[in-house]
Protein backbone atom coordinates (compact mmCIF):
# COMPACT_ATOMS: atom_id res chain seq x y z
CA MET A 1 83.03 239.56 -59.09
CA PRO A 2 82.03 239.39 -56.22
CA THR A 3 85.46 240.20 -53.63
CA GLY A 4 86.13 240.19 -49.40
CA LYS A 5 84.36 238.85 -47.05
CA PRO A 6 80.96 238.14 -48.30
CA LEU A 7 78.07 240.07 -45.83
CA ILE A 8 75.99 237.50 -43.65
CA ILE A 9 71.91 237.96 -43.59
CA PRO A 10 70.73 236.05 -40.34
CA ILE A 11 68.12 234.70 -40.08
CA PHE A 12 67.45 233.23 -36.42
CA ILE A 13 65.63 229.93 -36.36
CA MET A 14 65.80 230.27 -32.07
CA ASN A 15 66.39 226.81 -31.43
CA ARG A 16 64.17 225.26 -33.20
CA GLY A 17 65.43 221.75 -34.31
CA CYS A 18 67.98 221.33 -31.65
CA PRO A 19 65.87 217.54 -29.51
CA GLN A 20 67.55 219.42 -26.27
CA ARG A 21 69.63 222.35 -24.30
CA CYS A 22 72.59 222.19 -24.40
CA VAL A 23 73.70 223.58 -20.34
CA PHE A 24 75.20 227.02 -21.56
CA CYS A 25 72.15 227.38 -24.26
CA ASN A 26 69.55 230.69 -23.90
CA GLU A 27 68.79 231.93 -27.06
CA GLU A 28 67.31 234.40 -26.14
CA ILE A 29 70.21 236.18 -24.85
CA ALA A 30 72.49 235.27 -27.59
CA ALA A 31 71.32 236.11 -30.92
CA GLY A 32 68.64 238.30 -29.76
CA ASN A 33 64.84 238.04 -28.61
CA PHE A 34 63.17 236.53 -31.88
CA SER A 35 60.26 235.11 -32.82
CA PRO A 36 60.18 231.35 -32.77
CA GLU A 37 57.88 231.75 -35.93
CA ILE A 38 59.21 232.87 -39.54
CA THR A 39 57.15 234.53 -41.39
CA ARG A 40 57.76 235.46 -45.40
CA SER A 41 57.56 239.13 -43.91
CA PHE A 42 59.91 238.93 -41.84
CA PHE A 43 62.05 236.99 -44.14
CA ASP A 44 61.79 239.47 -46.93
CA ALA A 45 62.21 242.75 -44.81
CA GLU A 46 65.42 241.32 -43.14
CA VAL A 47 67.16 240.16 -46.02
CA ALA A 48 66.25 244.21 -48.06
CA SER A 49 67.06 245.63 -44.29
CA TYR A 50 70.38 243.99 -44.68
CA LEU A 51 70.94 244.43 -49.26
CA ARG A 52 70.29 248.78 -47.93
CA TRP A 53 72.31 249.12 -45.21
CA ASN A 54 75.21 246.91 -47.69
CA ARG A 55 77.54 249.80 -49.60
CA ASP A 56 80.01 247.06 -50.56
CA LYS A 57 78.73 245.82 -53.85
CA THR A 58 81.52 244.00 -54.49
CA ARG A 59 80.86 241.98 -51.56
CA SER A 60 79.23 238.29 -51.80
CA VAL A 61 75.78 237.95 -50.14
CA GLU A 62 74.50 235.00 -47.90
CA ILE A 63 71.33 233.92 -46.10
CA ALA A 64 71.75 231.93 -43.10
CA PHE A 65 69.75 230.82 -40.63
CA TYR A 66 71.19 230.77 -37.62
CA GLY A 67 70.38 229.65 -33.86
CA GLY A 68 68.87 226.41 -34.33
CA SER A 69 70.10 223.11 -36.21
CA PHE A 70 67.94 223.63 -39.48
CA THR A 71 67.84 219.76 -40.30
CA GLY A 72 66.33 219.39 -37.27
CA LEU A 73 63.31 221.95 -38.78
CA PRO A 74 60.33 219.68 -40.37
CA GLU A 75 61.32 219.08 -43.87
CA GLU A 76 58.24 221.19 -44.59
CA GLU A 77 59.43 224.45 -43.41
CA GLN A 78 62.73 223.26 -44.53
CA GLU A 79 61.19 223.47 -48.02
CA ARG A 80 59.42 226.38 -47.45
CA LEU A 81 62.46 228.65 -45.90
CA LEU A 82 65.15 227.69 -48.84
CA ALA A 83 62.42 228.02 -51.28
CA TRP A 84 62.57 231.76 -49.59
CA GLY A 85 66.26 232.00 -49.73
CA HIS A 86 66.52 230.88 -53.36
CA ASP A 87 63.85 233.36 -54.52
CA GLN A 88 66.12 235.83 -53.15
CA ILE A 89 69.16 234.13 -55.21
CA ARG A 90 67.03 233.36 -59.05
CA GLN A 91 66.56 237.78 -59.07
CA GLY A 92 70.78 238.08 -57.75
CA ARG A 93 70.02 239.90 -54.46
CA VAL A 94 71.90 236.68 -52.93
CA GLY A 95 74.62 234.58 -53.78
CA ALA A 96 74.15 231.31 -51.41
CA MET A 97 73.16 230.17 -48.26
CA ARG A 98 74.11 228.51 -45.23
CA ILE A 99 72.76 227.43 -42.25
CA SER A 100 74.12 225.38 -38.93
CA ALA A 101 73.21 222.20 -37.63
CA ARG A 102 73.91 219.84 -34.95
CA PRO A 103 76.74 217.25 -36.47
CA ASP A 104 73.81 214.09 -35.18
CA GLN A 105 71.32 215.95 -37.72
CA LEU A 106 73.61 215.31 -40.97
CA ASP A 107 73.63 212.29 -43.25
CA GLU A 108 74.50 212.06 -46.92
CA LYS A 109 70.25 212.44 -48.28
CA LYS A 110 70.02 215.79 -46.29
CA LEU A 111 73.10 216.99 -47.56
CA ALA A 112 72.42 216.87 -50.88
CA PHE A 113 69.02 218.16 -50.32
CA LEU A 114 70.24 220.83 -49.02
CA ARG A 115 72.89 221.70 -51.30
CA ALA A 116 69.79 221.30 -54.25
CA GLY A 117 67.90 224.09 -52.52
CA GLY A 118 71.11 226.72 -52.79
CA VAL A 119 72.50 226.36 -48.96
CA ARG A 120 76.71 226.29 -49.80
CA THR A 121 78.24 225.91 -46.40
CA ILE A 122 77.11 223.93 -43.60
CA GLU A 123 78.14 225.53 -40.43
CA ILE A 124 78.21 222.67 -37.34
CA GLY A 125 77.62 223.31 -33.80
CA ALA A 126 80.42 221.29 -32.93
CA GLN A 127 81.63 223.45 -29.17
CA SER A 128 84.24 220.27 -28.56
CA PHE A 129 86.10 217.15 -29.46
CA ASN A 130 86.86 216.22 -26.07
CA ASP A 131 83.65 213.67 -25.07
CA ARG A 132 83.92 214.02 -21.40
CA VAL A 133 83.71 218.34 -21.96
CA LEU A 134 80.30 217.15 -24.06
CA ARG A 135 79.05 215.04 -22.01
CA ASP A 136 78.91 217.52 -19.46
CA ALA A 137 77.20 220.33 -22.37
CA ASN A 138 74.53 217.67 -22.31
CA ARG A 139 76.01 217.84 -26.45
CA GLY A 140 73.44 214.62 -26.91
CA HIS A 141 76.23 213.83 -29.65
CA ASN A 142 80.07 212.58 -29.26
CA ALA A 143 82.66 213.09 -31.20
CA GLN A 144 83.10 211.01 -33.56
CA ALA A 145 78.93 212.27 -34.80
CA ILE A 146 81.50 216.02 -35.71
CA VAL A 147 84.28 213.81 -37.49
CA ARG A 148 81.29 212.05 -39.50
CA ALA A 149 79.72 215.38 -40.48
CA VAL A 150 82.54 217.21 -41.48
CA GLN A 151 83.26 214.20 -43.87
CA SER A 152 79.33 213.80 -45.72
CA ILE A 153 79.93 217.44 -46.03
CA ARG A 154 83.23 217.33 -47.77
CA ALA A 155 81.76 214.55 -49.86
CA GLN A 156 79.01 217.13 -51.20
CA ARG A 157 81.82 219.44 -51.49
CA LEU A 158 80.16 221.80 -49.49
CA ASN A 159 82.43 224.28 -47.67
CA CYS A 160 82.62 223.57 -43.15
CA GLY A 161 82.59 225.40 -40.69
CA LEU A 162 83.28 224.93 -36.85
CA HIS A 163 81.86 226.40 -33.84
CA LEU A 164 83.99 225.54 -30.95
CA MET A 165 83.15 226.67 -27.38
CA ALA A 166 86.80 227.98 -24.75
CA GLY A 167 86.43 227.15 -21.20
CA LEU A 168 82.87 224.23 -21.16
CA PRO A 169 82.44 222.55 -17.82
CA GLY A 170 85.36 220.09 -17.39
CA ASP A 171 87.12 221.66 -20.08
CA THR A 172 90.79 222.84 -19.87
CA LYS A 173 93.58 224.55 -21.50
CA GLU A 174 95.36 220.65 -22.78
CA SER A 175 91.84 219.32 -23.98
CA PHE A 176 91.00 222.80 -25.88
CA LEU A 177 94.87 222.87 -27.56
CA GLN A 178 93.54 218.30 -28.32
CA THR A 179 89.76 220.06 -30.05
CA LEU A 180 92.33 222.09 -31.64
CA ASN A 181 94.22 220.01 -33.18
CA ARG A 182 91.80 217.44 -33.83
CA THR A 183 90.08 220.82 -35.92
CA VAL A 184 93.28 220.77 -38.32
CA GLU A 185 92.95 217.02 -38.93
CA LEU A 186 89.58 217.51 -40.02
CA ARG A 187 90.74 220.55 -41.79
CA PRO A 188 87.30 222.92 -42.15
CA ASP A 189 87.44 225.83 -43.93
CA THR A 190 86.64 227.88 -41.24
CA ALA A 191 85.65 228.32 -37.59
CA ARG A 192 83.58 230.30 -34.65
CA ILE A 193 85.28 230.57 -31.50
CA HIS A 194 84.03 232.07 -28.30
CA PRO A 195 84.45 231.27 -24.38
CA VAL A 196 81.21 230.56 -22.33
CA LEU A 197 79.50 233.35 -20.91
CA VAL A 198 77.07 232.29 -18.26
CA PHE A 199 73.77 233.49 -18.72
CA ARG A 200 70.75 233.99 -16.66
CA ASP A 201 68.27 230.89 -16.79
CA THR A 202 70.50 227.98 -18.23
CA ALA A 203 71.62 225.09 -16.05
CA LEU A 204 74.73 226.73 -16.49
CA ALA A 205 73.53 229.15 -14.47
CA GLU A 206 72.68 227.10 -11.69
CA GLU A 207 75.67 225.26 -11.76
CA PHE A 208 77.96 228.57 -11.17
CA ARG A 209 75.50 229.24 -8.18
CA ALA A 210 76.31 226.37 -6.57
CA GLY A 211 80.41 227.02 -7.56
CA ARG A 212 80.44 223.94 -8.87
CA TYR A 213 81.53 225.81 -12.33
CA ARG A 214 84.12 228.85 -13.43
CA PRO A 215 84.57 230.04 -16.52
CA LEU A 216 86.88 231.62 -17.23
CA SER A 217 88.99 235.03 -16.86
CA LEU A 218 89.37 237.46 -19.44
CA GLU A 219 93.26 236.53 -19.57
CA GLU A 220 92.07 233.19 -19.87
CA ALA A 221 90.02 233.39 -22.28
CA ILE A 222 92.53 235.77 -24.64
CA ASP A 223 95.26 233.31 -24.57
CA TRP A 224 93.52 230.47 -25.23
CA CYS A 225 91.92 232.39 -28.70
CA ARG A 226 95.13 233.43 -28.97
CA LEU A 227 96.52 229.90 -29.22
CA ALA A 228 93.02 229.17 -31.75
CA TRP A 229 94.03 230.90 -33.57
CA GLU A 230 97.98 230.12 -33.82
CA THR A 231 97.20 226.69 -34.17
CA LEU A 232 94.66 227.14 -36.61
CA ALA A 233 95.67 229.84 -38.90
CA PRO A 234 99.08 227.80 -40.23
CA ALA A 235 96.51 224.97 -41.54
CA GLY A 236 94.57 227.57 -43.50
CA ILE A 237 91.93 227.20 -41.32
CA SER A 238 89.92 230.91 -41.29
CA ILE A 239 88.81 231.82 -37.82
CA ILE A 240 85.38 234.51 -38.73
CA ARG A 241 84.58 235.16 -35.80
CA PHE A 242 86.32 235.24 -31.70
CA GLY A 243 83.90 235.89 -28.81
CA LEU A 244 79.68 236.84 -29.26
CA GLN A 245 78.11 238.78 -31.28
CA PRO A 246 76.57 241.83 -28.68
CA THR A 247 72.38 242.01 -29.00
CA PRO A 248 70.71 244.33 -27.44
CA GLU A 249 69.60 241.25 -24.85
CA MET A 250 73.46 240.73 -23.21
CA LEU A 251 73.38 244.11 -22.89
CA GLN A 252 70.57 244.31 -19.45
CA GLU A 253 71.59 244.17 -16.28
CA GLY A 254 71.52 240.50 -15.13
CA ALA A 255 71.35 238.77 -18.11
CA VAL A 256 75.11 237.82 -17.78
CA LEU A 257 75.61 236.42 -14.55
CA ALA A 258 79.23 235.88 -15.35
CA GLY A 259 82.33 234.98 -18.28
CA PRO A 260 84.71 237.14 -20.49
CA ARG A 261 83.01 239.24 -21.25
CA HIS A 262 83.94 242.28 -23.43
CA PRO A 263 83.07 244.54 -25.64
CA SER A 264 85.73 244.35 -27.97
CA PHE A 265 87.14 241.02 -27.24
CA GLY A 266 88.41 240.19 -30.90
CA SER A 267 90.83 242.56 -30.93
CA LEU A 268 91.93 241.67 -27.41
CA VAL A 269 93.10 238.28 -29.03
CA TYR A 270 94.48 240.04 -32.11
CA SER A 271 96.27 242.12 -29.73
CA ALA A 272 97.82 239.54 -27.66
CA VAL A 273 98.25 237.53 -31.45
CA PHE A 274 100.80 240.31 -32.05
CA TYR A 275 102.02 240.74 -28.77
CA SER A 276 103.18 236.99 -29.34
CA ALA A 277 104.96 237.77 -32.38
CA ILE A 278 106.74 240.72 -31.23
CA GLU A 279 107.96 238.33 -28.16
CA LYS A 280 109.35 236.09 -31.10
CA LEU A 281 110.70 239.32 -32.56
CA LEU A 282 112.67 240.29 -29.56
CA GLU A 283 113.60 236.30 -28.28
CA ASP A 284 117.26 237.90 -29.78
CA VAL A 285 117.61 241.52 -28.60
CA PRO A 286 119.92 242.36 -25.98
CA ARG A 287 117.74 244.02 -23.50
CA THR A 288 120.55 246.80 -23.73
CA ALA A 289 119.63 247.59 -27.14
CA LYS A 290 119.26 251.61 -28.01
CA MET A 291 117.37 251.09 -30.57
CA LEU A 292 113.83 249.26 -31.75
CA ARG A 293 112.95 249.88 -34.81
CA PHE A 294 108.98 248.87 -35.91
CA ALA A 295 107.77 247.91 -39.47
CA VAL A 296 104.35 247.19 -39.05
CA ALA A 297 101.36 247.34 -42.20
CA GLU A 298 99.33 250.59 -41.79
CA ARG A 299 96.11 248.54 -42.36
CA ASP A 300 98.13 245.95 -38.86
CA GLN A 301 98.71 249.55 -36.88
CA SER A 302 95.63 249.43 -33.78
CA HIS A 303 96.41 245.49 -33.24
CA PHE A 304 100.15 245.98 -32.96
CA ARG A 305 100.38 248.83 -30.65
CA GLY A 306 98.08 246.64 -28.48
CA PHE A 307 94.25 247.58 -26.99
CA GLY A 308 95.16 250.64 -24.61
CA GLY A 309 98.72 250.45 -25.99
CA LYS A 310 99.18 247.70 -23.89
CA ASN A 311 101.93 246.61 -26.24
CA ILE A 312 104.34 249.19 -26.95
CA GLN A 313 103.93 249.80 -22.98
CA THR A 314 105.67 246.57 -23.09
CA ILE A 315 108.10 246.99 -25.02
CA LYS A 316 108.67 250.35 -23.35
CA ASN A 317 108.90 248.28 -20.12
CA LEU A 318 111.04 245.31 -21.40
CA TYR A 319 113.82 247.88 -23.26
CA PRO A 320 114.18 251.08 -21.03
CA GLY A 321 117.02 252.60 -22.57
CA ALA A 322 116.07 252.17 -26.25
CA GLN A 323 114.31 254.56 -28.75
CA ILE A 324 111.23 252.58 -30.14
CA VAL A 325 109.87 253.72 -33.78
CA ILE A 326 107.00 252.27 -35.67
CA ASP A 327 106.50 252.66 -39.28
CA PHE A 328 102.83 252.01 -40.32
CA THR A 329 103.53 251.53 -44.14
CA ARG A 330 101.03 250.86 -46.84
CA GLY A 331 104.26 248.99 -48.11
CA GLN A 332 104.53 246.05 -45.42
CA LEU A 333 102.51 243.45 -45.83
CA PRO A 334 99.50 242.42 -43.61
CA GLY A 335 100.83 240.14 -41.23
CA HIS A 336 104.11 240.94 -41.17
CA LEU A 337 106.60 242.40 -39.03
CA SER A 338 109.65 243.21 -39.49
CA LEU A 339 112.74 244.68 -36.79
CA ASN A 340 116.04 246.04 -37.17
CA THR A 341 117.91 247.39 -34.01
CA GLY A 342 120.59 250.03 -35.75
CA ALA A 343 123.41 247.94 -34.93
CA GLY A 344 123.48 245.59 -37.96
CA GLU A 345 120.31 243.45 -36.65
CA SER A 346 117.16 242.83 -38.16
CA PHE A 347 114.71 239.98 -37.44
CA SER A 348 111.07 239.59 -39.32
CA PHE A 349 108.24 237.19 -37.84
CA ASN A 350 105.25 236.68 -40.30
CA ILE A 351 102.19 235.93 -38.30
CA PRO A 352 99.47 233.21 -40.99
CA GLY A 353 96.01 234.08 -42.11
CA ILE A 354 96.38 237.66 -41.10
CA GLN A 355 96.04 238.22 -44.78
CA GLN A 356 92.41 237.05 -44.80
CA GLU A 357 91.66 238.01 -41.20
CA THR A 358 88.44 238.91 -40.73
CA SER A 359 86.23 241.45 -38.50
CA ALA A 360 85.71 240.14 -34.51
């Protein structure tokens, strides 16, 4: 029986199927410089490579067609790619397939075709639920198209994921929160969230150079993504990634002109999530406390301490006269924090969704 998060084998279709280019998009940098043409030999080699690398044979395995809009490809190409994936499913190497697609390229007929071909998850490039933000990003669709797509996916009994972006042109913390609240209303199974990076050779790069666009700072991006966790996780929506997966092309000089890029961005967000929970634990603890004894799950140790020990140092600064003891134990549930002040007072807080946390 497969357990845990699935092993995803990404096959990038590199902008294909997209009717126009979004202002932020440079797929060669964001995904890697793959060939726009996918051959059978390349496909089989990629699958075999990931399967050799996978040491945990209890994990489910899925092939994912990412990078463009799968349902915008010519129908014969969709059929060919799905047939290759179905061969892997038939041979027992892979359990299912997933695709990424634009919301305005999904309808009941296309979804029924995908389901019959072995696709079980549709990840929608939503980005935002604010029509002005979508227009300024040159998405070519409005928020209602996203709503219709999610409803159609549900009607076909398929899993649904939303890809959201923080800090698009015209976006504000308030409009981003509105996007998060709309996401909660639609209840997708998963979400991916990343702050906007300014890639070279994009319309956004020109706006940045002209001083008409300012990306989020690293601190702002962490705060917006922390807010995303605290909004979506209690609703049962699993955030499967914060930030973009670094590619060799992304690390080249001049590839990223600006934006909140950090090699451990996800860890920074989770550290912020944990510090927000620590603040709630300490709300009623006077600054004169002499003892702060925390109990934390062993698995949560790095997130609790904070990136570079930042969370612990902040606690020490707030309570300079306190002895701080942290018990990291296997018996503690992930995401559950408890505090004893040594003066007969105890507090606890549970961070929603941490038990299902995936790598960031």
